[in-house]
């Protein structure tokens, strides 16, 4: 079963060092998402409708809200992956136009050849997370250097803001879809799901699906799952809520269903995610 070796969260978003040997369902993130191989077998991700190789020499690049999946071949060896889920507002602290990392088209390709610097920083960050779990400032410093190297390598970073502004989905979202998005965010546990959303938008189910995906880049169900997963991740890291209670709050029929959902999207069970994400904090406490 896949394992999270280390997880670090903060204003930057989150970074996960994953030992992958199971598939992930088609999903999306509201982050600038980068996947870098640390060790093990070469593998690949399906990003949109393209196969993106993840190797010693190539990174997988996933724009915010782009559907992607990981299909693990049962006979294949494990792959250790450094997965970056980076907040656009944090990147804007380096260069203001990097807030556009939350837009479709920030990365022009789903994969690209890494530089020696990217490889070096990937290995240094991974090693520090494993061997120095309390070195939070060091982790964030290395992450910043890594993201600068990634963006300078894989984007037209000097002009990326103006290039994407005119194509921003936010400026072209149908008002009925905005209404549906607000409803999803206010009540991700809605029991009637897509039917209720379509009804509230005054649209047929088929037309609602079509306009929603055209406006956001994902289906209503994927969008709902993104909201539920991010709420679950935040609660797992920042609260002591029981997973049974969290399951109820997010509208799952049982805690087992919630656990499967979390594992299929994040790679590990929520209890393991919580314990690993707090590893550095626990170690810091024990040192005092």
Protein backbone atom coordinates (compact mmCIF):
# COMPACT_ATOMS: atom_id res chain seq x y z
CA UNK A 1 0.00 0.00 0.00
CA UNK A 2 1.20 3.55 -0.74
CA UNK A 3 2.79 5.42 2.14
CA UNK A 4 3.31 9.07 3.01
CA UNK A 5 6.89 9.30 4.25
CA UNK A 6 6.65 12.98 5.18
CA UNK A 7 4.09 15.76 4.79
CA UNK A 8 4.72 19.43 5.44
CA UNK A 9 1.96 22.08 5.35
CA UNK A 10 2.05 25.85 5.67
CA UNK A 11 1.19 29.09 3.92
CA UNK A 12 2.93 27.66 0.87
CA UNK A 13 0.34 24.88 0.59
CA UNK A 14 1.67 21.40 1.20
CA UNK A 15 4.54 19.14 0.23
CA UNK A 16 4.27 15.35 0.42
CA UNK A 17 6.97 12.74 0.04
CA UNK A 18 5.04 9.71 -1.19
CA UNK A 19 6.06 6.10 -1.66
CA UNK A 20 3.57 5.17 -4.36
CA UNK A 21 2.40 1.70 -5.24
CA UNK A 22 -1.32 2.24 -5.79
CA UNK A 23 -3.42 4.24 -8.24
CA UNK A 24 -5.11 7.59 -7.59
CA UNK A 25 -8.52 8.39 -9.07
CA UNK A 26 -9.06 11.24 -11.50
CA UNK A 27 -8.99 14.39 -9.41
CA UNK A 28 -7.82 18.01 -9.36
CA UNK A 29 -6.30 20.59 -7.00
CA UNK A 30 -6.70 24.36 -6.59
CA UNK A 31 -2.90 24.57 -6.49
CA UNK A 32 0.08 24.82 -8.77
CA UNK A 33 0.95 21.11 -8.72
CA UNK A 34 4.39 19.66 -9.50
CA UNK A 35 5.51 16.03 -9.26
CA UNK A 36 9.20 15.16 -9.05
CA UNK A 37 10.76 11.72 -8.89
CA UNK A 38 13.05 11.08 -5.91
CA UNK A 39 13.79 7.36 -6.24
CA UNK A 40 12.48 4.07 -7.59
CA UNK A 41 10.94 3.18 -10.92
CA UNK A 42 10.01 5.56 -13.72
CA UNK A 43 6.27 6.04 -13.96
CA UNK A 44 3.68 8.39 -15.48
CA UNK A 45 0.52 10.37 -14.77
CA UNK A 46 -2.49 11.05 -16.96
CA UNK A 47 -2.85 14.84 -17.04
CA UNK A 48 -5.97 15.89 -18.89
CA UNK A 49 -5.89 13.53 -21.84
CA UNK A 50 -2.09 13.31 -22.06
CA UNK A 51 0.34 10.82 -20.55
CA UNK A 52 3.06 12.72 -18.68
CA UNK A 53 6.21 10.71 -17.86
CA UNK A 54 7.80 11.02 -14.41
CA UNK A 55 11.44 9.99 -14.58
CA UNK A 56 14.86 10.98 -13.27
CA UNK A 57 14.98 13.54 -16.08
CA UNK A 58 11.36 14.73 -16.35
CA UNK A 59 8.88 16.40 -14.00
CA UNK A 60 5.09 16.27 -14.26
CA UNK A 61 3.47 19.72 -14.36
CA UNK A 62 -0.22 20.09 -13.49
CA UNK A 63 -2.03 23.41 -13.74
CA UNK A 64 -4.58 24.32 -11.09
CA UNK A 65 -7.97 22.64 -11.62
CA UNK A 66 -6.61 20.31 -14.30
CA UNK A 67 -7.97 16.75 -13.88
CA UNK A 68 -5.27 14.13 -13.55
CA UNK A 69 -4.84 10.55 -12.35
CA UNK A 70 -2.16 8.07 -11.43
CA UNK A 71 -2.52 4.53 -12.76
CA UNK A 72 -0.09 2.19 -11.04
CA UNK A 73 0.74 -1.06 -12.80
CA UNK A 74 0.47 -3.89 -10.22
CA UNK A 75 3.72 -5.49 -11.35
CA UNK A 76 5.68 -2.22 -11.32
CA UNK A 77 8.09 -1.34 -8.48
CA UNK A 78 7.39 1.53 -6.14
CA UNK A 79 8.18 5.13 -6.99
CA UNK A 80 9.09 7.75 -4.39
CA UNK A 81 7.59 11.08 -5.44
CA UNK A 82 7.96 14.60 -4.10
CA UNK A 83 4.51 16.10 -4.68
CA UNK A 84 4.17 19.89 -4.42
CA UNK A 85 0.76 21.55 -3.98
CA UNK A 86 1.65 25.23 -3.98
CA UNK A 87 -0.59 28.20 -3.16
CA UNK A 88 -0.55 30.91 -5.86
CA UNK A 89 -0.64 33.69 -3.25
CA UNK A 90 2.54 32.32 -1.65
CA UNK A 91 4.29 32.29 -5.03
CA UNK A 92 3.20 35.91 -5.55
CA UNK A 93 5.50 36.77 -2.65
CA UNK A 94 8.45 35.95 -4.95
CA UNK A 95 7.09 37.74 -8.03
CA UNK A 96 3.66 39.34 -8.11
CA UNK A 97 2.68 37.89 -11.49
CA UNK A 98 3.23 34.35 -10.18
CA UNK A 99 -0.23 34.56 -8.64
CA UNK A 100 -1.17 33.42 -12.15
CA UNK A 101 0.02 29.95 -11.12
CA UNK A 102 -3.61 29.45 -10.12
CA UNK A 103 -4.71 29.76 -13.75
CA UNK A 104 -5.06 27.25 -16.55
CA UNK A 105 -2.11 27.54 -18.92
CA UNK A 106 0.52 28.57 -16.37
CA UNK A 107 2.52 25.55 -17.43
CA UNK A 108 2.51 25.22 -21.20
CA UNK A 109 3.22 21.48 -21.09
CA UNK A 110 2.30 18.56 -18.85
CA UNK A 111 5.93 17.44 -18.50
CA UNK A 112 9.40 18.82 -18.99
CA UNK A 113 13.07 18.00 -18.66
CA UNK A 114 14.47 18.99 -15.28
CA UNK A 115 17.72 20.86 -14.78
CA UNK A 116 20.56 19.67 -12.52
CA UNK A 117 19.53 22.43 -10.08
CA UNK A 118 15.95 21.14 -9.88
CA UNK A 119 17.22 17.61 -9.26
CA UNK A 120 19.63 18.83 -6.57
CA UNK A 121 16.96 20.84 -4.74
CA UNK A 122 14.44 17.98 -5.00
CA UNK A 123 16.84 15.59 -3.32
CA UNK A 124 17.92 18.13 -0.70
CA UNK A 125 14.33 18.95 0.27
CA UNK A 126 13.34 15.28 0.40
CA UNK A 127 16.38 14.40 2.52
CA UNK A 128 15.77 17.28 4.91
CA UNK A 129 12.12 16.34 5.37
CA UNK A 130 13.13 12.77 6.26
CA UNK A 131 16.24 13.37 8.37
CA UNK A 132 15.42 16.78 9.89
CA UNK A 133 11.61 16.80 10.33
CA UNK A 134 11.73 19.78 12.73
CA UNK A 135 13.74 22.00 10.34
CA UNK A 136 10.65 23.84 9.16
CA UNK A 137 12.48 27.02 8.09
CA UNK A 138 14.96 24.98 6.08
CA UNK A 139 12.16 23.09 4.35
CA UNK A 140 10.42 26.30 3.32
CA UNK A 141 13.69 27.86 2.12
CA UNK A 142 14.48 24.83 -0.05
CA UNK A 143 10.89 24.74 -1.32
CA UNK A 144 11.10 28.38 -2.34
CA UNK A 145 14.35 27.79 -4.20
CA UNK A 146 12.88 24.70 -5.87
CA UNK A 147 9.73 26.49 -7.03
CA UNK A 148 11.75 29.40 -8.40
CA UNK A 149 13.87 26.92 -10.38
CA UNK A 150 10.75 25.08 -11.62
CA UNK A 151 8.92 28.22 -12.71
CA UNK A 152 11.94 29.75 -14.38
CA UNK A 153 12.49 26.47 -16.23
CA UNK A 154 8.95 25.63 -17.31
CA UNK A 155 7.06 28.94 -17.74
CA UNK A 156 7.38 32.23 -19.59
CA UNK A 157 7.56 33.75 -16.12
CA UNK A 158 8.39 37.32 -17.14
CA UNK A 159 5.13 37.74 -19.05
CA UNK A 160 2.98 34.97 -17.61
CA UNK A 161 0.56 37.29 -15.81
CA UNK A 162 -0.42 39.41 -18.81
CA UNK A 163 -0.42 36.33 -21.05
CA UNK A 164 -2.99 34.52 -18.92
CA UNK A 165 -5.13 37.46 -17.79
CA UNK A 166 -7.17 37.69 -20.96
CA UNK A 167 -7.77 33.93 -20.92
CA UNK A 168 -8.71 33.66 -17.24
CA UNK A 169 -11.67 31.38 -16.60
CA UNK A 170 -12.63 33.51 -13.61
CA UNK A 171 -13.56 36.37 -15.90
CA UNK A 172 -15.79 34.18 -18.06
CA UNK A 173 -17.62 31.97 -15.55
CA UNK A 174 -21.35 31.89 -16.21
CA UNK A 175 -23.26 33.59 -13.34
CA UNK A 176 -25.30 30.42 -12.81
CA UNK A 177 -22.10 28.45 -12.35
CA UNK A 178 -20.81 31.05 -9.90
CA UNK A 179 -23.99 30.45 -7.92
CA UNK A 180 -23.41 26.68 -7.99
CA UNK A 181 -19.78 27.10 -6.89
CA UNK A 182 -20.89 29.23 -3.94
CA UNK A 183 -23.37 26.54 -2.95
CA UNK A 184 -20.74 23.80 -3.15
CA UNK A 185 -18.33 25.78 -1.00
CA UNK A 186 -20.97 26.63 1.59
CA UNK A 187 -22.37 23.09 1.74
CA UNK A 188 -20.04 20.42 0.31
CA UNK A 189 -22.15 17.77 2.07
CA UNK A 190 -25.26 18.53 0.04
CA UNK A 191 -27.09 15.18 -0.23
CA UNK A 192 -28.75 15.87 -3.56
CA UNK A 193 -25.48 16.58 -5.31
CA UNK A 194 -25.48 17.59 -8.94
CA UNK A 195 -29.26 17.41 -9.34
CA UNK A 196 -29.75 20.03 -6.64
CA UNK A 197 -27.06 22.25 -8.15
CA UNK A 198 -28.62 22.08 -11.62
CA UNK A 199 -32.06 22.83 -10.19
CA UNK A 200 -30.78 25.83 -8.25
CA UNK A 201 -29.06 27.09 -11.39
CA UNK A 202 -32.29 26.74 -13.37
CA UNK A 203 -30.62 24.44 -15.90
CA UNK A 204 -31.12 20.92 -17.18
CA UNK A 205 -28.65 18.39 -15.80
CA UNK A 206 -26.97 17.93 -19.20
CA UNK A 207 -26.63 21.68 -19.86
CA UNK A 208 -25.40 22.28 -16.31
CA UNK A 209 -22.64 19.68 -16.77
CA UNK A 210 -21.59 21.20 -20.07
CA UNK A 211 -21.49 24.81 -18.92
CA UNK A 212 -19.87 23.95 -15.58
CA UNK A 213 -17.00 22.06 -17.20
CA UNK A 214 -16.53 24.74 -19.84
CA UNK A 215 -16.35 27.41 -17.11
CA UNK A 216 -14.15 25.62 -14.59
CA UNK A 217 -12.26 22.95 -16.53
CA UNK A 218 -13.66 20.15 -14.35
CA UNK A 219 -16.99 18.37 -13.91
CA UNK A 220 -19.29 19.32 -11.02
CA UNK A 221 -18.45 16.04 -9.26
CA UNK A 222 -14.69 16.62 -9.50
CA UNK A 223 -15.15 20.19 -8.22
CA UNK A 224 -17.19 18.93 -5.27
CA UNK A 225 -14.52 16.35 -4.50
CA UNK A 226 -11.79 19.02 -4.58
CA UNK A 227 -13.68 21.07 -2.00
CA UNK A 228 -14.31 18.04 0.20
CA UNK A 229 -10.68 16.87 0.03
CA UNK A 230 -9.26 20.30 0.87
CA UNK A 231 -11.66 20.61 3.81
CA UNK A 232 -10.64 17.13 4.95
CA UNK A 233 -6.91 17.88 4.62
CA UNK A 234 -7.27 21.14 6.55
CA UNK A 235 -9.22 19.41 9.33
CA UNK A 236 -6.79 16.49 9.50
CA UNK A 237 -3.82 18.82 9.92
CA UNK A 238 -5.27 21.66 11.98
CA UNK A 239 -7.86 20.07 14.27
CA UNK A 240 -8.45 17.03 16.41
CA UNK A 241 -11.92 16.33 15.02
CA UNK A 242 -12.66 12.62 14.82
CA UNK A 243 -12.78 11.20 11.33
CA UNK A 244 -16.25 9.86 12.03
CA UNK A 245 -17.47 13.40 12.75
CA UNK A 246 -15.57 14.79 9.77
CA UNK A 247 -17.11 12.11 7.56
CA UNK A 248 -20.58 13.23 8.65
CA UNK A 249 -19.77 16.92 8.12
CA UNK A 250 -18.64 16.23 4.55
CA UNK A 251 -21.70 14.16 3.70
CA UNK A 252 -20.25 10.65 3.47
CA UNK A 253 -22.56 7.75 4.21
CA UNK A 254 -19.98 6.09 6.48
CA UNK A 255 -16.49 6.64 7.86
CA UNK A 256 -15.27 3.75 5.71
CA UNK A 257 -16.52 5.54 2.59
CA UNK A 258 -14.73 8.72 3.67
CA UNK A 259 -11.49 6.82 4.32
CA UNK A 260 -11.60 5.24 0.84
CA UNK A 261 -12.31 8.65 -0.71
CA UNK A 262 -9.36 10.24 1.09
CA UNK A 263 -6.97 7.39 0.24
CA UNK A 264 -8.04 7.36 -3.43
CA UNK A 265 -7.35 11.11 -3.72
CA UNK A 266 -4.39 11.64 -1.39
CA UNK A 267 -2.70 8.24 -1.57
CA UNK A 268 -2.93 7.44 2.15
CA UNK A 269 -5.61 7.07 4.83
CA UNK A 270 -6.60 10.25 6.71
CA UNK A 271 -5.31 8.93 10.07
CA UNK A 272 -1.86 8.35 8.56
CA UNK A 273 -1.97 11.74 6.82
CA UNK A 274 -2.67 13.41 10.18
CA UNK A 275 0.09 11.62 12.07
CA UNK A 276 2.74 12.19 9.39
CA UNK A 277 1.83 15.86 8.86
CA UNK A 278 2.35 16.46 12.60
CA UNK A 279 5.60 14.53 12.85
CA UNK A 280 7.80 17.60 13.00
CA UNK A 281 5.60 19.25 15.64
CA UNK A 282 5.70 16.14 17.83
CA UNK A 283 9.46 15.84 17.52
CA UNK A 284 9.83 19.54 18.41
CA UNK A 285 7.70 19.02 21.54
CA UNK A 286 9.74 16.04 22.65
CA UNK A 287 12.98 18.01 22.36
CA UNK A 288 11.81 20.69 24.81
